[in-house]
């Protein structure tokens, strides 16, 4: 009997998650540059957007150009 290696069994389906993200912009200058981690505020909440798409969190970041808060 042959010992099987690591990995998924043959014929298993690929499981993928679909994530839809709209690009945010600064309301003051219109820039789409955002800071990665500095000043980030995460509100963990679930709900439905106006178009029916579900969400799990709201993330606010500082502007990379003006530094204005979220």
Protein backbone atom coordinates (compact mmCIF):
# COMPACT_ATOMS: atom_id res chain seq x y z
CA UNK A 1 0.00 0.00 0.00
CA UNK A 2 1.31 3.41 -1.01
CA UNK A 3 1.33 6.27 1.48
CA UNK A 4 -0.25 9.41 0.03
CA UNK A 5 1.48 12.75 0.17
CA UNK A 6 0.03 15.98 1.50
CA UNK A 7 -2.59 17.85 -0.47
CA UNK A 8 -6.18 17.62 -1.54
CA UNK A 9 -7.72 14.45 -2.89
CA UNK A 10 -8.07 14.13 -6.67
CA UNK A 11 -11.33 15.50 -8.02
CA UNK A 12 -11.98 17.92 -5.14
CA UNK A 13 -13.48 21.27 -6.11
CA UNK A 14 -11.68 24.59 -5.83
CA UNK A 15 -13.23 26.68 -3.08
CA UNK A 16 -12.94 30.41 -3.69
CA UNK A 17 -14.26 33.45 -1.84
CA UNK A 18 -15.39 36.50 -3.79
CA UNK A 19 -14.51 39.84 -2.25
CA UNK A 20 -15.87 43.09 -3.69
CA UNK A 21 -14.04 46.21 -2.55
CA UNK A 22 -14.78 49.74 -3.69
CA UNK A 23 -11.80 52.06 -3.82
CA UNK A 24 -12.17 54.73 -1.15
CA UNK A 25 -11.11 58.34 -1.59
CA UNK A 26 -10.49 61.32 0.65
CA UNK A 27 -13.53 63.62 0.87
CA UNK A 28 -11.23 66.69 1.15
CA UNK A 29 -8.74 66.24 -1.69
CA UNK A 30 -10.19 63.27 -3.64
CA UNK A 31 -6.96 61.27 -3.34
CA UNK A 32 -7.22 57.47 -3.35
CA UNK A 33 -3.90 57.03 -1.50
CA UNK A 34 -4.61 55.63 1.95
CA UNK A 35 -2.34 54.69 4.83
CA UNK A 36 -1.95 50.99 5.48
CA UNK A 37 -2.05 50.75 9.26
CA UNK A 38 -1.51 54.18 10.81
CA UNK A 39 -4.74 55.64 12.16
CA UNK A 40 -6.85 52.77 10.88
CA UNK A 41 -10.25 52.33 12.57
CA UNK A 42 -12.05 48.99 12.13
CA UNK A 43 -15.71 48.61 13.05
CA UNK A 44 -16.65 44.90 13.06
CA UNK A 45 -20.29 44.76 12.09
CA UNK A 46 -22.36 42.82 9.60
CA UNK A 47 -25.11 44.01 7.32
CA UNK A 48 -26.24 44.58 3.77
CA UNK A 49 -25.25 47.46 1.49
CA UNK A 50 -27.83 49.33 -0.59
CA UNK A 51 -27.21 47.00 -3.55
CA UNK A 52 -27.77 43.88 -1.38
CA UNK A 53 -24.10 42.91 -1.02
CA UNK A 54 -23.24 41.67 2.51
CA UNK A 55 -20.36 43.18 4.50
CA UNK A 56 -18.53 42.13 7.67
CA UNK A 57 -16.57 45.27 8.64
CA UNK A 58 -16.14 48.97 7.96
CA UNK A 59 -12.49 50.07 7.71
CA UNK A 60 -11.49 53.75 7.82
CA UNK A 61 -7.94 54.90 7.03
CA UNK A 62 -6.16 58.26 7.04
CA UNK A 63 -5.49 60.06 3.77
CA UNK A 64 -1.97 59.52 2.42
CA UNK A 65 -1.82 63.03 0.94
CA UNK A 66 -3.39 65.33 3.52
CA UNK A 67 -3.24 63.06 6.59
CA UNK A 68 -6.84 63.87 7.41
CA UNK A 69 -8.47 61.43 9.84
CA UNK A 70 -11.06 58.86 8.81
